[in-house]
N, C-alpha and C. Protein backbone atom coordinates (compact mmCIF):
# COMPACT_ATOMS: atom_id res chain seq x y z
N MET A 1 61.54 -91.13 -33.72
CA MET A 1 62.85 -91.22 -33.09
C MET A 1 62.68 -90.88 -31.62
N THR A 2 63.27 -91.65 -30.75
CA THR A 2 63.23 -91.36 -29.32
C THR A 2 64.59 -90.87 -28.88
N ASP A 3 64.66 -90.41 -27.64
CA ASP A 3 65.92 -89.90 -27.11
C ASP A 3 67.04 -90.94 -27.16
N THR A 4 66.70 -92.21 -27.05
CA THR A 4 67.72 -93.25 -27.00
C THR A 4 67.84 -94.03 -28.30
N ASP A 5 67.12 -93.67 -29.32
CA ASP A 5 67.13 -94.42 -30.57
C ASP A 5 68.34 -94.03 -31.41
N ALA A 6 69.41 -94.78 -31.28
CA ALA A 6 70.64 -94.48 -32.00
C ALA A 6 70.51 -94.70 -33.50
N GLU A 7 69.55 -95.50 -33.91
CA GLU A 7 69.43 -95.85 -35.33
C GLU A 7 68.45 -94.97 -36.08
N GLY A 8 67.90 -93.96 -35.44
CA GLY A 8 66.85 -93.16 -36.05
C GLY A 8 67.32 -91.94 -36.82
N TYR A 9 68.59 -91.80 -37.11
CA TYR A 9 69.10 -90.60 -37.74
C TYR A 9 69.37 -90.75 -39.24
N ALA A 10 69.30 -91.94 -39.76
CA ALA A 10 69.55 -92.17 -41.18
C ALA A 10 68.56 -91.38 -42.02
N GLY A 11 69.08 -90.77 -43.08
CA GLY A 11 68.26 -89.99 -43.99
C GLY A 11 68.26 -88.50 -43.69
N LEU A 12 68.76 -88.12 -42.52
CA LEU A 12 68.81 -86.70 -42.17
C LEU A 12 70.09 -86.06 -42.70
N ARG A 13 70.04 -84.75 -42.94
CA ARG A 13 71.26 -84.01 -43.25
C ARG A 13 72.13 -84.05 -42.00
N VAL A 14 73.43 -84.12 -42.16
CA VAL A 14 74.33 -84.29 -41.03
C VAL A 14 74.18 -83.17 -40.01
N GLU A 15 74.00 -81.93 -40.45
CA GLU A 15 73.86 -80.82 -39.51
C GLU A 15 72.62 -80.99 -38.64
N ARG A 16 71.52 -81.41 -39.25
CA ARG A 16 70.27 -81.62 -38.51
C ARG A 16 70.42 -82.79 -37.54
N ALA A 17 71.06 -83.86 -37.98
CA ALA A 17 71.26 -85.03 -37.13
C ALA A 17 72.10 -84.66 -35.90
N GLU A 18 73.17 -83.88 -36.10
CA GLU A 18 74.01 -83.46 -34.97
C GLU A 18 73.21 -82.61 -34.00
N GLU A 19 72.42 -81.69 -34.52
CA GLU A 19 71.60 -80.82 -33.68
C GLU A 19 70.61 -81.63 -32.85
N LEU A 20 69.90 -82.55 -33.50
CA LEU A 20 68.92 -83.38 -32.79
C LEU A 20 69.59 -84.30 -31.77
N ALA A 21 70.73 -84.86 -32.12
CA ALA A 21 71.43 -85.75 -31.21
C ALA A 21 71.81 -85.03 -29.92
N ARG A 22 72.33 -83.84 -30.05
CA ARG A 22 72.71 -83.07 -28.86
C ARG A 22 71.48 -82.68 -28.05
N ARG A 23 70.42 -82.31 -28.74
CA ARG A 23 69.17 -81.96 -28.06
C ARG A 23 68.60 -83.16 -27.31
N HIS A 24 68.79 -84.36 -27.87
CA HIS A 24 68.26 -85.57 -27.25
C HIS A 24 69.20 -86.17 -26.21
N GLY A 25 70.30 -85.47 -25.93
CA GLY A 25 71.13 -85.87 -24.81
C GLY A 25 72.34 -86.73 -25.10
N TRP A 26 72.68 -86.93 -26.37
CA TRP A 26 73.90 -87.70 -26.66
C TRP A 26 75.10 -86.90 -26.19
N ALA A 27 75.97 -87.51 -25.40
CA ALA A 27 77.12 -86.83 -24.82
C ALA A 27 78.14 -86.44 -25.89
N SER A 28 78.23 -87.24 -26.93
CA SER A 28 79.21 -87.03 -27.98
C SER A 28 78.63 -87.51 -29.31
N VAL A 29 78.96 -86.80 -30.38
CA VAL A 29 78.53 -87.19 -31.73
C VAL A 29 79.78 -87.27 -32.60
N ARG A 30 79.99 -88.44 -33.21
CA ARG A 30 81.16 -88.64 -34.08
C ARG A 30 80.65 -88.79 -35.50
N VAL A 31 81.12 -87.90 -36.39
CA VAL A 31 80.73 -87.92 -37.80
C VAL A 31 81.86 -88.55 -38.59
N LEU A 32 81.51 -89.57 -39.36
CA LEU A 32 82.51 -90.32 -40.15
C LEU A 32 82.06 -90.41 -41.59
N PRO A 33 82.95 -90.12 -42.53
CA PRO A 33 82.61 -90.39 -43.93
C PRO A 33 82.36 -91.89 -44.07
N GLN A 34 81.37 -92.27 -44.85
CA GLN A 34 81.05 -93.68 -45.01
C GLN A 34 82.29 -94.45 -45.46
N GLY A 35 82.59 -95.54 -44.79
CA GLY A 35 83.73 -96.38 -45.12
C GLY A 35 85.04 -95.94 -44.49
N ALA A 36 85.03 -94.86 -43.71
CA ALA A 36 86.26 -94.36 -43.08
C ALA A 36 86.74 -95.34 -42.01
N ALA A 37 88.04 -95.39 -41.85
CA ALA A 37 88.62 -96.19 -40.77
C ALA A 37 88.35 -95.48 -39.45
N MET A 38 88.06 -96.27 -38.41
CA MET A 38 87.80 -95.67 -37.10
C MET A 38 88.24 -96.62 -36.01
N ALA A 39 88.52 -96.05 -34.86
CA ALA A 39 88.84 -96.86 -33.69
C ALA A 39 87.57 -97.59 -33.27
N MET A 40 87.70 -98.81 -32.83
CA MET A 40 86.54 -99.62 -32.48
C MET A 40 86.23 -99.59 -30.99
N ASP A 41 86.75 -98.59 -30.29
CA ASP A 41 86.45 -98.47 -28.87
C ASP A 41 84.98 -98.12 -28.69
N TYR A 42 84.36 -98.71 -27.67
CA TYR A 42 82.96 -98.44 -27.39
C TYR A 42 82.90 -97.35 -26.33
N ARG A 43 82.12 -96.32 -26.60
CA ARG A 43 81.95 -95.24 -25.65
C ARG A 43 80.47 -95.01 -25.42
N GLU A 44 80.01 -95.33 -24.22
CA GLU A 44 78.60 -95.13 -23.89
C GLU A 44 78.25 -93.65 -24.02
N GLY A 45 77.11 -93.38 -24.60
CA GLY A 45 76.66 -92.00 -24.77
C GLY A 45 77.16 -91.33 -26.02
N ARG A 46 77.91 -92.08 -26.86
CA ARG A 46 78.40 -91.50 -28.11
C ARG A 46 77.55 -92.01 -29.27
N LEU A 47 77.14 -91.10 -30.12
CA LEU A 47 76.41 -91.45 -31.33
C LEU A 47 77.35 -91.33 -32.51
N ASN A 48 77.43 -92.38 -33.31
CA ASN A 48 78.24 -92.39 -34.52
C ASN A 48 77.33 -92.16 -35.72
N LEU A 49 77.76 -91.29 -36.62
CA LEU A 49 77.00 -91.01 -37.83
C LEU A 49 77.90 -91.27 -39.04
N ALA A 50 77.54 -92.25 -39.86
CA ALA A 50 78.24 -92.48 -41.12
C ALA A 50 77.54 -91.61 -42.16
N VAL A 51 78.32 -90.79 -42.87
CA VAL A 51 77.77 -89.77 -43.75
C VAL A 51 78.29 -89.92 -45.17
N ARG A 52 77.39 -89.74 -46.13
CA ARG A 52 77.75 -89.71 -47.54
C ARG A 52 77.00 -88.57 -48.19
N ASP A 53 77.72 -87.70 -48.87
CA ASP A 53 77.14 -86.55 -49.57
C ASP A 53 76.25 -85.70 -48.66
N GLY A 54 76.67 -85.54 -47.40
CA GLY A 54 75.96 -84.69 -46.47
C GLY A 54 74.76 -85.31 -45.79
N LEU A 55 74.47 -86.59 -46.11
CA LEU A 55 73.34 -87.29 -45.51
C LEU A 55 73.82 -88.44 -44.63
N VAL A 56 73.14 -88.64 -43.52
CA VAL A 56 73.45 -89.76 -42.64
C VAL A 56 72.93 -91.05 -43.29
N VAL A 57 73.81 -92.01 -43.50
CA VAL A 57 73.41 -93.28 -44.10
C VAL A 57 73.30 -94.39 -43.06
N ARG A 58 73.92 -94.16 -41.88
CA ARG A 58 73.85 -95.14 -40.79
C ARG A 58 74.16 -94.43 -39.49
N SER A 59 73.49 -94.83 -38.44
CA SER A 59 73.78 -94.28 -37.11
C SER A 59 73.73 -95.38 -36.09
N TRP A 60 74.63 -95.30 -35.08
CA TRP A 60 74.66 -96.33 -34.04
C TRP A 60 75.36 -95.77 -32.80
N GLU A 61 75.08 -96.40 -31.68
CA GLU A 61 75.67 -95.98 -30.41
C GLU A 61 77.04 -96.61 -30.25
N GLY A 62 77.92 -95.90 -29.59
CA GLY A 62 79.22 -96.45 -29.25
C GLY A 62 80.30 -95.60 -29.70
């Protein structure tokens, strides 16, 4: 995983993913239950984490 790799957080526990994201310089981290409704606004520097049972199942920038 690199500092800018938004897709490298899948499989991590949500707490660890949030910690690493902040350490790697993400300005904002948004945690969403998988399948949750969300605003589709794009925000540079924000990492989105889709979470199921405490694990990140998908991560992406915006």
